[in-house]
């Protein structure tokens, strides 16, 4: 009987470390451009492709909360958000949404890709962001576009920084060497 109680105690205790190892990772992104339900659906669709990750997007607060079983999956989910054209400031020191590499050398034109411009409000946010960049003269962003060309005499790095500040993300061509 004593060995049966000991066996039961050992069995019960063996589950404690396993459950402790299953701590979830949570990342909250703030200042994400979520102007409409299509933006929210875009976030949900992008994170939905990452197995094990869950997402909650709060349109009114401009926040996206990702919950994942571990840091690696959380990083993939945050990367999916960026690849879908969104940007946000992370509250998790280990998991940040890094800005794409971009040259600081001035260019006359650059095609940005990977945009999320689902509606006129998205285009207005894009316009407001890029027109703040020193030297930008114009762009051809439009509803439903996944890319746009920005013209003027400006730094692509400054362009990406302005988009990120507006909660948007985009890819730029790699700096030429």
C-alpha atoms as a PDB file:
ATOM      1  CA  UNK A   1       0.000   0.000   0.000  1.00  0.00           C
ATOM      2  CA  UNK A   2       2.869   2.342   0.892  1.00  0.00           C
ATOM      3  CA  UNK A   3       4.520   1.748  -2.506  1.00  0.00           C
ATOM      4  CA  UNK A   4       1.210   2.383  -4.269  1.00  0.00           C
ATOM      5  CA  UNK A   5       0.886   5.787  -2.521  1.00  0.00           C
ATOM      6  CA  UNK A   6       4.502   6.578  -3.408  1.00  0.00           C
ATOM      7  CA  UNK A   7       3.884   5.632  -7.021  1.00  0.00           C
ATOM      8  CA  UNK A   8       0.777   7.838  -7.134  1.00  0.00           C
ATOM      9  CA  UNK A   9       2.726  10.767  -5.640  1.00  0.00           C
ATOM     10  CA  UNK A  10       5.571  10.351  -8.157  1.00  0.00           C
ATOM     11  CA  UNK A  11       3.058  10.159 -11.007  1.00  0.00           C
ATOM     12  CA  UNK A  12       1.275  13.298  -9.806  1.00  0.00           C
ATOM     13  CA  UNK A  13       4.513  15.245  -9.378  1.00  0.00           C
ATOM     14  CA  UNK A  14       5.771  14.222 -12.816  1.00  0.00           C
ATOM     15  CA  UNK A  15       3.074  16.389 -14.396  1.00  0.00           C
ATOM     16  CA  UNK A  16       4.122  19.588 -12.629  1.00  0.00           C
ATOM     17  CA  UNK A  17       7.338  20.271 -14.588  1.00  0.00           C
ATOM     18  CA  UNK A  18       5.607  19.454 -17.879  1.00  0.00           C
ATOM     19  CA  UNK A  19       2.843  21.951 -17.234  1.00  0.00           C
ATOM     20  CA  UNK A  20       5.367  24.608 -16.196  1.00  0.00           C
ATOM     21  CA  UNK A  21       7.256  24.102 -19.466  1.00  0.00           C
ATOM     22  CA  UNK A  22       4.102  24.922 -21.438  1.00  0.00           C
ATOM     23  CA  UNK A  23       4.079  28.627 -20.604  1.00  0.00           C
ATOM     24  CA  UNK A  24       2.666  30.665 -23.465  1.00  0.00           C
ATOM     25  CA  UNK A  25       4.332  33.640 -25.089  1.00  0.00           C
ATOM     26  CA  UNK A  26       2.275  36.796 -25.503  1.00  0.00           C
ATOM     27  CA  UNK A  27       3.178  39.777 -27.652  1.00  0.00           C
ATOM     28  CA  UNK A  28       1.115  42.947 -27.759  1.00  0.00           C
ATOM     29  CA  UNK A  29       1.701  45.248 -30.710  1.00  0.00           C
ATOM     30  CA  UNK A  30       0.483  48.818 -30.307  1.00  0.00           C
ATOM     31  CA  UNK A  31      -0.045  51.645 -32.792  1.00  0.00           C
ATOM     32  CA  UNK A  32      -1.044  49.183 -35.523  1.00  0.00           C
ATOM     33  CA  UNK A  33      -2.990  50.652 -38.449  1.00  0.00           C
ATOM     34  CA  UNK A  34      -6.453  49.092 -38.046  1.00  0.00           C
ATOM     35  CA  UNK A  35      -8.841  51.557 -39.649  1.00  0.00           C
ATOM     36  CA  UNK A  36     -11.564  49.101 -40.613  1.00  0.00           C
ATOM     37  CA  UNK A  37     -12.824  45.537 -40.299  1.00  0.00           C
ATOM     38  CA  UNK A  38     -10.867  44.558 -43.418  1.00  0.00           C
ATOM     39  CA  UNK A  39      -7.655  45.568 -41.648  1.00  0.00           C
ATOM     40  CA  UNK A  40      -8.655  43.378 -38.701  1.00  0.00           C
ATOM     41  CA  UNK A  41      -9.430  40.495 -41.071  1.00  0.00           C
ATOM     42  CA  UNK A  42      -6.045  41.003 -42.746  1.00  0.00           C
ATOM     43  CA  UNK A  43      -4.277  40.656 -39.388  1.00  0.00           C
ATOM     44  CA  UNK A  44      -6.345  37.598 -38.476  1.00  0.00           C
ATOM     45  CA  UNK A  45      -5.639  35.954 -41.840  1.00  0.00           C
ATOM     46  CA  UNK A  46      -1.891  36.589 -41.649  1.00  0.00           C
ATOM     47  CA  UNK A  47      -1.510  35.195 -38.124  1.00  0.00           C
ATOM     48  CA  UNK A  48      -3.972  32.403 -38.901  1.00  0.00           C
ATOM     49  CA  UNK A  49      -1.381  30.908 -41.259  1.00  0.00           C
ATOM     50  CA  UNK A  50       1.025  30.366 -38.347  1.00  0.00           C
ATOM     51  CA  UNK A  51       0.163  27.062 -36.716  1.00  0.00           C
ATOM     52  CA  UNK A  52      -0.340  27.399 -32.967  1.00  0.00           C
ATOM     53  CA  UNK A  53      -0.612  31.190 -32.916  1.00  0.00           C
ATOM     54  CA  UNK A  54      -3.766  33.015 -31.861  1.00  0.00           C
ATOM     55  CA  UNK A  55      -4.541  36.673 -32.410  1.00  0.00           C
ATOM     56  CA  UNK A  56      -6.872  39.321 -31.081  1.00  0.00           C
ATOM     57  CA  UNK A  57      -7.037  42.634 -32.920  1.00  0.00           C
ATOM     58  CA  UNK A  58      -8.639  45.621 -31.217  1.00  0.00           C
ATOM     59  CA  UNK A  59      -9.532  48.100 -33.945  1.00  0.00           C
ATOM     60  CA  UNK A  60     -10.449  50.907 -31.541  1.00  0.00           C
ATOM     61  CA  UNK A  61      -7.231  50.627 -29.534  1.00  0.00           C
ATOM     62  CA  UNK A  62      -4.992  49.913 -32.551  1.00  0.00           C
ATOM     63  CA  UNK A  63      -3.545  46.865 -30.816  1.00  0.00           C
ATOM     64  CA  UNK A  64      -2.836  43.302 -31.852  1.00  0.00           C
ATOM     65  CA  UNK A  65      -2.222  40.632 -29.221  1.00  0.00           C
ATOM     66  CA  UNK A  66      -0.562  37.399 -30.294  1.00  0.00           C
ATOM     67  CA  UNK A  67      -0.522  34.331 -28.082  1.00  0.00           C
ATOM     68  CA  UNK A  68       1.653  31.371 -29.002  1.00  0.00           C
ATOM     69  CA  UNK A  69       2.926  28.226 -27.317  1.00  0.00           C
ATOM     70  CA  UNK A  70       6.520  29.511 -27.443  1.00  0.00           C
ATOM     71  CA  UNK A  71       8.789  32.367 -28.550  1.00  0.00           C
ATOM     72  CA  UNK A  72       9.597  30.801 -31.931  1.00  0.00           C
ATOM     73  CA  UNK A  73       5.957  30.603 -32.989  1.00  0.00           C
ATOM     74  CA  UNK A  74       5.283  34.083 -31.599  1.00  0.00           C
ATOM     75  CA  UNK A  75       8.176  35.429 -33.724  1.00  0.00           C
ATOM     76  CA  UNK A  76       6.714  33.759 -36.828  1.00  0.00           C
ATOM     77  CA  UNK A  77       3.322  35.305 -36.095  1.00  0.00           C
ATOM     78  CA  UNK A  78       4.808  38.767 -35.623  1.00  0.00           C
ATOM     79  CA  UNK A  79       6.713  38.285 -38.896  1.00  0.00           C
ATOM     80  CA  UNK A  80       3.438  37.356 -40.600  1.00  0.00           C
ATOM     81  CA  UNK A  81       1.925  40.627 -39.364  1.00  0.00           C
ATOM     82  CA  UNK A  82       4.839  42.565 -40.884  1.00  0.00           C
ATOM     83  CA  UNK A  83       4.653  40.626 -44.155  1.00  0.00           C
ATOM     84  CA  UNK A  84       0.957  41.479 -44.389  1.00  0.00           C
ATOM     85  CA  UNK A  85       1.791  45.205 -44.382  1.00  0.00           C
ATOM     86  CA  UNK A  86       1.235  46.127 -40.732  1.00  0.00           C
ATOM     87  CA  UNK A  87       3.607  47.444 -38.092  1.00  0.00           C
ATOM     88  CA  UNK A  88       3.364  47.882 -34.330  1.00  0.00           C
ATOM     89  CA  UNK A  89       5.505  48.498 -31.287  1.00  0.00           C
ATOM     90  CA  UNK A  90       6.036  45.297 -29.296  1.00  0.00           C
ATOM     91  CA  UNK A  91       5.702  45.055 -25.529  1.00  0.00           C
ATOM     92  CA  UNK A  92       7.866  41.908 -25.522  1.00  0.00           C
ATOM     93  CA  UNK A  93      11.592  42.683 -25.276  1.00  0.00           C
ATOM     94  CA  UNK A  94      12.497  39.368 -26.950  1.00  0.00           C
ATOM     95  CA  UNK A  95      10.126  39.699 -29.903  1.00  0.00           C
ATOM     96  CA  UNK A  96      10.271  42.906 -31.916  1.00  0.00           C
ATOM     97  CA  UNK A  97       8.931  43.775 -35.309  1.00  0.00           C
ATOM     98  CA  UNK A  98      12.057  44.941 -37.107  1.00  0.00           C
ATOM     99  CA  UNK A  99      11.906  47.457 -39.903  1.00  0.00           C
ATOM    100  CA  UNK A 100      13.083  46.267 -43.308  1.00  0.00           C
ATOM    101  CA  UNK A 101      16.628  47.166 -44.262  1.00  0.00           C
ATOM    102  CA  UNK A 102      16.635  50.302 -46.346  1.00  0.00           C
ATOM    103  CA  UNK A 103      19.278  52.644 -47.652  1.00  0.00           C
ATOM    104  CA  UNK A 104      19.786  56.082 -46.198  1.00  0.00           C
ATOM    105  CA  UNK A 105      21.055  57.297 -49.593  1.00  0.00           C
ATOM    106  CA  UNK A 106      18.557  59.500 -51.370  1.00  0.00           C
ATOM    107  CA  UNK A 107      16.653  58.115 -54.350  1.00  0.00           C
ATOM    108  CA  UNK A 108      14.312  59.683 -56.878  1.00  0.00           C
ATOM    109  CA  UNK A 109      11.896  56.777 -56.923  1.00  0.00           C
ATOM    110  CA  UNK A 110      11.294  53.538 -55.053  1.00  0.00           C
ATOM    111  CA  UNK A 111       8.653  50.854 -55.401  1.00  0.00           C
ATOM    112  CA  UNK A 112       7.426  49.688 -51.999  1.00  0.00           C
ATOM    113  CA  UNK A 113       5.759  46.282 -51.871  1.00  0.00           C
ATOM    114  CA  UNK A 114       3.903  44.165 -49.338  1.00  0.00           C
ATOM    115  CA  UNK A 115       1.471  46.956 -48.520  1.00  0.00           C
ATOM    116  CA  UNK A 116      -1.939  46.537 -46.944  1.00  0.00           C
ATOM    117  CA  UNK A 117      -4.150  49.139 -48.580  1.00  0.00           C
ATOM    118  CA  UNK A 118      -7.611  47.614 -48.306  1.00  0.00           C
ATOM    119  CA  UNK A 119      -9.589  50.865 -48.401  1.00  0.00           C
ATOM    120  CA  UNK A 120      -9.466  54.618 -48.848  1.00  0.00           C
ATOM    121  CA  UNK A 121      -8.602  55.138 -45.165  1.00  0.00           C
ATOM    122  CA  UNK A 122      -5.516  52.948 -45.614  1.00  0.00           C
ATOM    123  CA  UNK A 123      -4.480  54.975 -48.663  1.00  0.00           C
ATOM    124  CA  UNK A 124      -5.006  58.219 -46.710  1.00  0.00           C
ATOM    125  CA  UNK A 125      -2.828  56.877 -43.871  1.00  0.00           C
ATOM    126  CA  UNK A 126      -0.154  55.876 -46.409  1.00  0.00           C
ATOM    127  CA  UNK A 127      -0.359  59.317 -48.027  1.00  0.00           C
ATOM    128  CA  UNK A 128      -0.097  61.160 -44.705  1.00  0.00           C
ATOM    129  CA  UNK A 129       2.927  59.074 -43.697  1.00  0.00           C
ATOM    130  CA  UNK A 130       4.924  59.320 -46.914  1.00  0.00           C
ATOM    131  CA  UNK A 131       4.211  62.990 -47.505  1.00  0.00           C
ATOM    132  CA  UNK A 132       5.859  63.766 -44.141  1.00  0.00           C
ATOM    133  CA  UNK A 133       9.151  62.388 -45.446  1.00  0.00           C
ATOM    134  CA  UNK A 134      11.588  65.093 -46.432  1.00  0.00           C
ATOM    135  CA  UNK A 135      11.903  65.175 -50.229  1.00  0.00           C
ATOM    136  CA  UNK A 136       8.882  63.028 -51.151  1.00  0.00           C
ATOM    137  CA  UNK A 137       6.901  64.640 -53.980  1.00  0.00           C
ATOM    138  CA  UNK A 138       4.200  62.035 -54.598  1.00  0.00           C
ATOM    139  CA  UNK A 139       3.081  58.418 -54.903  1.00  0.00           C
ATOM    140  CA  UNK A 140       0.626  56.257 -56.811  1.00  0.00           C
ATOM    141  CA  UNK A 141      -0.917  54.268 -53.934  1.00  0.00           C
ATOM    142  CA  UNK A 142      -4.496  53.161 -54.550  1.00  0.00           C
ATOM    143  CA  UNK A 143      -7.243  51.068 -52.958  1.00  0.00           C
ATOM    144  CA  UNK A 144      -6.487  47.341 -52.924  1.00  0.00           C
ATOM    145  CA  UNK A 145      -2.904  47.908 -54.152  1.00  0.00           C
ATOM    146  CA  UNK A 146      -0.106  45.704 -52.781  1.00  0.00           C
ATOM    147  CA  UNK A 147       2.603  48.072 -53.994  1.00  0.00           C
ATOM    148  CA  UNK A 148       3.143  51.747 -54.749  1.00  0.00           C
ATOM    149  CA  UNK A 149       5.854  53.895 -56.256  1.00  0.00           C
ATOM    150  CA  UNK A 150       7.027  56.877 -54.230  1.00  0.00           C
ATOM    151  CA  UNK A 151       8.824  59.717 -56.039  1.00  0.00           C
ATOM    152  CA  UNK A 152      10.910  62.746 -55.109  1.00  0.00           C
ATOM    153  CA  UNK A 153      14.412  62.955 -53.638  1.00  0.00           C
ATOM    154  CA  UNK A 154      14.264  61.108 -50.324  1.00  0.00           C
ATOM    155  CA  UNK A 155      15.752  58.406 -48.131  1.00  0.00           C
ATOM    156  CA  UNK A 156      14.066  54.966 -48.335  1.00  0.00           C
ATOM    157  CA  UNK A 157      15.062  54.452 -44.697  1.00  0.00           C
ATOM    158  CA  UNK A 158      13.131  57.592 -43.711  1.00  0.00           C
ATOM    159  CA  UNK A 159      10.189  56.390 -45.809  1.00  0.00           C
ATOM    160  CA  UNK A 160      10.034  53.050 -43.968  1.00  0.00           C
ATOM    161  CA  UNK A 161      10.357  54.831 -40.603  1.00  0.00           C
ATOM    162  CA  UNK A 162       7.409  57.093 -41.478  1.00  0.00           C
ATOM    163  CA  UNK A 163       5.272  54.136 -42.560  1.00  0.00           C
ATOM    164  CA  UNK A 164       6.147  52.247 -39.373  1.00  0.00           C
ATOM    165  CA  UNK A 165       5.210  55.276 -37.277  1.00  0.00           C
ATOM    166  CA  UNK A 166       1.785  55.181 -38.991  1.00  0.00           C
ATOM    167  CA  UNK A 167       1.351  51.479 -38.149  1.00  0.00           C
ATOM    168  CA  UNK A 168       2.077  50.354 -41.704  1.00  0.00           C
ATOM    169  CA  UNK A 169       4.876  48.244 -43.112  1.00  0.00           C
ATOM    170  CA  UNK A 170       6.358  47.758 -46.561  1.00  0.00           C
ATOM    171  CA  UNK A 171       9.330  46.199 -48.265  1.00  0.00           C
ATOM    172  CA  UNK A 172      11.810  48.203 -50.288  1.00  0.00           C
ATOM    173  CA  UNK A 173      14.412  46.936 -52.728  1.00  0.00           C
ATOM    174  CA  UNK A 174      17.703  45.974 -51.088  1.00  0.00           C
ATOM    175  CA  UNK A 175      20.229  48.789 -51.030  1.00  0.00           C
ATOM    176  CA  UNK A 176      22.558  48.596 -54.037  1.00  0.00           C
ATOM    177  CA  UNK A 177      26.182  47.983 -53.219  1.00  0.00           C
END
